[in-house]
Amino acid sequence: MGRKKTYDRADVLHRAMELFWRKGFSGTHLQELVEVTGLNRFGLYKEFGGKDGLFDEAMSLYLSKLAETLKPLGREPRGMGNINAYFRELEMEFFLHGCFLTNSLTEKNVINSGTYQKMVIAYDGFQQLARANLEAAQADGDIGPQVNLDAIQHFLAALDLGIVVHSINAEASDKDRIVALLEIFLNGLKESK
């Protein structure tokens, strides 16, 4: 008969997520994971398959939390209001260490390919939602018919990544000023020919 677990799996994942988020995959060492989670090396391998498996599950936990931030983009009716609401409602406190997804995308060559693919799919989810709102805004006449939606979609993705990286050393009011400029820019797309 096996021994009963003496740890809370959810707590272990949360602690590992915080460590990976702060230090990255490459910067996090197995001994640090042992110290932070309270599990020994054998326990980490048995429960999670080692560092790669623990990172994969920690990223899944983060992505489930990150999905909450995307909710404004999924509201009906779709359109420019959702894009403005998404950026206005971003909670900078959530991105205290930047965005775990964004930070980790830079480690493509060291992260397990299956985990990396999961991360890319999550990132693409933002772009698909942004695109659906841009298309609706163009259909409503809030974006001129000649505006290149691909360019605007990529601009919004770059801005989103930049805001969460910028948030590491910024004040919440910085985001508010950026979002105010974004809204001026987006309002100008209506008149674009």
Protein backbone atom coordinates (compact mmCIF):
# COMPACT_ATOMS: atom_id res chain seq x y z
CA MET A 1 0.00 0.00 0.00
CA GLY A 2 1.37 3.42 -1.03
CA ARG A 3 1.92 6.26 1.37
CA LYS A 4 -0.68 8.97 1.66
CA LYS A 5 0.26 12.34 0.13
CA THR A 6 1.25 14.88 2.74
CA TYR A 7 1.09 17.91 0.47
CA ASP A 8 -1.52 19.96 -1.33
CA ARG A 9 -1.00 19.52 -5.08
CA ALA A 10 -2.68 22.84 -5.91
CA ASP A 11 -0.41 24.65 -3.45
CA VAL A 12 2.67 22.97 -4.92
CA LEU A 13 1.63 24.05 -8.44
CA HIS A 14 0.95 27.60 -7.31
CA ARG A 15 4.36 27.87 -5.64
CA ALA A 16 6.12 26.39 -8.67
CA MET A 17 4.23 28.75 -10.99
CA GLU A 18 5.37 31.77 -8.96
CA LEU A 19 9.00 30.61 -9.07
CA PHE A 20 8.98 29.86 -12.81
CA TRP A 21 7.19 33.18 -13.43
CA ARG A 22 9.87 35.13 -11.56
CA LYS A 23 12.95 33.25 -12.77
CA GLY A 24 11.95 31.62 -16.06
CA PHE A 25 12.37 27.98 -17.00
CA SER A 26 16.13 28.18 -17.52
CA GLY A 27 16.72 30.28 -14.41
CA THR A 28 14.83 27.89 -12.13
CA HIS A 29 16.91 25.05 -10.74
CA LEU A 30 15.60 21.75 -9.48
CA GLN A 31 16.90 22.40 -5.96
CA GLU A 32 14.93 25.67 -5.86
CA LEU A 33 11.80 23.77 -6.84
CA VAL A 34 12.45 21.31 -4.04
CA GLU A 35 12.83 24.16 -1.53
CA VAL A 36 9.82 26.16 -2.75
CA THR A 37 7.39 23.26 -3.14
CA GLY A 38 8.48 21.24 -0.10
CA LEU A 39 8.67 18.08 -2.21
CA ASN A 40 11.88 16.11 -2.53
CA ARG A 41 13.34 15.29 -5.95
CA PHE A 42 11.75 11.85 -5.99
CA GLY A 43 8.36 13.37 -5.19
CA LEU A 44 8.72 15.97 -7.95
CA TYR A 45 9.55 13.26 -10.48
CA LYS A 46 6.87 10.89 -9.27
CA GLU A 47 4.09 13.49 -9.17
CA PHE A 48 5.03 15.74 -12.11
CA GLY A 49 7.67 13.94 -14.17
CA GLY A 50 10.40 16.37 -13.14
CA LYS A 51 11.03 19.99 -13.98
CA ASP A 52 9.48 19.82 -17.48
CA GLY A 53 6.26 18.27 -16.23
CA LEU A 54 6.00 20.68 -13.32
CA PHE A 55 6.56 23.63 -15.66
CA ASP A 56 3.88 22.31 -18.03
CA GLU A 57 1.31 22.08 -15.24
CA ALA A 58 2.34 25.43 -13.77
CA MET A 59 1.88 27.03 -17.20
CA SER A 60 -1.56 25.39 -17.54
CA LEU A 61 -2.52 26.88 -14.19
CA TYR A 62 -1.33 30.31 -15.33
CA LEU A 63 -3.15 30.05 -18.67
CA SER A 64 -6.40 29.27 -16.85
CA LYS A 65 -5.93 32.48 -14.84
CA LEU A 66 -4.91 34.44 -17.92
CA ALA A 67 -8.09 33.35 -19.74
CA GLU A 68 -10.03 35.49 -17.25
CA THR A 69 -8.29 38.61 -18.57
CA LEU A 70 -9.55 37.85 -22.10
CA LYS A 71 -13.23 37.88 -21.15
CA PRO A 72 -13.86 41.47 -22.32
CA LEU A 73 -12.83 40.44 -25.84
CA GLY A 74 -15.44 37.68 -25.88
CA ARG A 75 -18.43 39.84 -24.98
CA GLU A 76 -21.34 40.32 -27.35
CA PRO A 77 -21.77 42.37 -29.36
CA ARG A 78 -18.26 42.27 -30.73
CA GLY A 79 -16.59 45.50 -31.75
CA MET A 80 -14.33 48.36 -30.79
CA GLY A 81 -15.88 48.65 -27.33
CA ASN A 82 -14.53 45.21 -26.40
CA ILE A 83 -10.99 46.11 -27.46
CA ASN A 84 -11.08 49.32 -25.45
CA ALA A 85 -12.57 47.46 -22.46
CA TYR A 86 -9.90 44.74 -22.62
CA PHE A 87 -7.04 47.21 -22.35
CA ARG A 88 -8.81 49.37 -19.74
CA GLU A 89 -9.59 46.34 -17.56
CA LEU A 90 -6.09 44.83 -17.58
CA GLU A 91 -5.05 44.48 -13.94
CA MET A 92 -1.40 45.46 -13.69
CA GLU A 93 -1.15 43.86 -10.25
CA PHE A 94 -1.66 40.49 -11.95
CA PHE A 95 1.44 41.12 -14.06
CA LEU A 96 3.76 41.91 -11.16
CA HIS A 97 6.51 39.81 -12.77
CA GLY A 98 5.38 40.60 -16.30
CA CYS A 99 3.33 37.96 -18.09
CA PHE A 100 4.44 34.38 -17.40
CA LEU A 101 3.33 33.41 -20.92
CA THR A 102 5.15 36.31 -22.58
CA ASN A 103 8.29 35.74 -20.53
CA SER A 104 8.26 32.03 -21.35
CA LEU A 105 7.69 32.49 -25.09
CA THR A 106 11.27 33.82 -25.21
CA GLU A 107 12.57 30.42 -24.03
CA LYS A 108 11.38 28.49 -27.07
CA ASN A 109 14.57 26.45 -27.41
CA VAL A 110 14.59 25.11 -23.84
CA ILE A 111 10.90 24.49 -23.10
CA ASN A 112 9.34 21.15 -23.98
CA SER A 113 7.82 21.44 -27.47
CA GLY A 114 4.38 20.25 -26.31
CA THR A 115 4.27 22.89 -23.60
CA TYR A 116 5.53 25.52 -26.00
CA GLN A 117 2.80 24.64 -28.51
CA LYS A 118 0.19 25.02 -25.76
CA MET A 119 1.59 28.49 -25.06
CA VAL A 120 1.45 29.49 -28.74
CA ILE A 121 -2.18 28.36 -28.95
CA ALA A 122 -3.01 30.51 -25.91
CA TYR A 123 -1.27 33.52 -27.45
CA ASP A 124 -3.13 32.94 -30.72
CA GLY A 125 -6.38 32.98 -28.74
CA PHE A 126 -5.84 36.65 -27.96
CA GLN A 127 -5.18 37.40 -31.62
CA GLN A 128 -8.29 35.54 -32.79
CA LEU A 129 -10.49 37.40 -30.32
CA ALA A 130 -8.93 40.73 -31.28
CA ARG A 131 -9.47 39.93 -34.97
CA ALA A 132 -13.14 39.03 -34.45
CA ASN A 133 -13.69 42.38 -32.72
CA LEU A 134 -11.81 44.28 -35.44
CA GLU A 135 -13.91 42.62 -38.15
CA ALA A 136 -17.11 43.48 -36.29
CA ALA A 137 -15.92 47.08 -35.84
CA GLN A 138 -15.19 47.34 -39.55
CA ALA A 139 -18.61 45.90 -40.40
CA ASP A 140 -20.20 48.49 -38.06
CA GLY A 141 -18.30 51.33 -39.74
CA ASP A 142 -16.07 52.00 -36.71
CA ILE A 143 -13.03 51.16 -38.85
CA GLY A 144 -12.69 52.42 -42.39
CA PRO A 145 -13.08 49.84 -45.17
CA GLN A 146 -9.51 50.31 -46.42
CA VAL A 147 -7.81 49.77 -43.05
CA ASN A 148 -5.52 46.73 -42.98
CA LEU A 149 -6.94 44.62 -40.15
CA ASP A 150 -3.88 42.33 -40.14
CA ALA A 151 -1.66 45.28 -39.30
CA ILE A 152 -4.01 46.51 -36.56
CA GLN A 153 -4.31 43.00 -35.10
CA HIS A 154 -0.52 42.66 -34.90
CA PHE A 155 -0.23 46.17 -33.47
CA LEU A 156 -2.71 45.27 -30.70
CA ALA A 157 -0.82 42.04 -29.95
CA ALA A 158 2.49 43.92 -29.74
CA LEU A 159 0.89 46.56 -27.51
CA ASP A 160 -0.56 43.87 -25.25
CA LEU A 161 2.84 42.19 -24.88
CA GLY A 162 4.52 45.53 -24.33
CA ILE A 163 2.10 46.67 -21.64
CA VAL A 164 2.59 43.54 -19.54
CA VAL A 165 6.38 43.71 -19.86
CA HIS A 166 6.30 47.44 -19.12
CA SER A 167 4.20 46.76 -16.03
CA ILE A 168 7.17 45.16 -14.23
CA ASN A 169 8.65 48.58 -13.47
CA ALA A 170 5.73 50.89 -14.19
CA GLU A 171 2.91 52.60 -12.34
CA ALA A 172 -0.73 51.76 -13.03
CA SER A 173 -1.17 55.32 -14.32
CA ASP A 174 1.33 54.54 -17.11
CA LYS A 175 -1.06 51.91 -18.45
CA ASP A 176 -3.94 54.38 -18.24
CA ARG A 177 -2.03 56.92 -20.35
CA ILE A 178 -1.12 54.25 -22.91
CA VAL A 179 -4.73 53.08 -23.13
CA ALA A 180 -5.96 56.66 -23.56
CA LEU A 181 -3.61 57.07 -26.54
CA LEU A 182 -4.76 53.71 -27.93
CA GLU A 183 -8.38 54.84 -27.81
CA ILE A 184 -7.51 58.03 -29.71
CA PHE A 185 -5.68 55.93 -32.31
CA LEU A 186 -8.54 53.44 -32.66
CA ASN A 187 -11.11 56.25 -32.98
CA GLY A 188 -9.06 57.63 -35.85
CA LEU A 189 -9.46 54.37 -37.79
CA LYS A 190 -13.07 55.25 -38.52
CA GLU A 191 -12.00 58.06 -40.81
CA SER A 192 -9.17 56.10 -42.45
CA LYS A 193 -9.49 55.69 -46.17
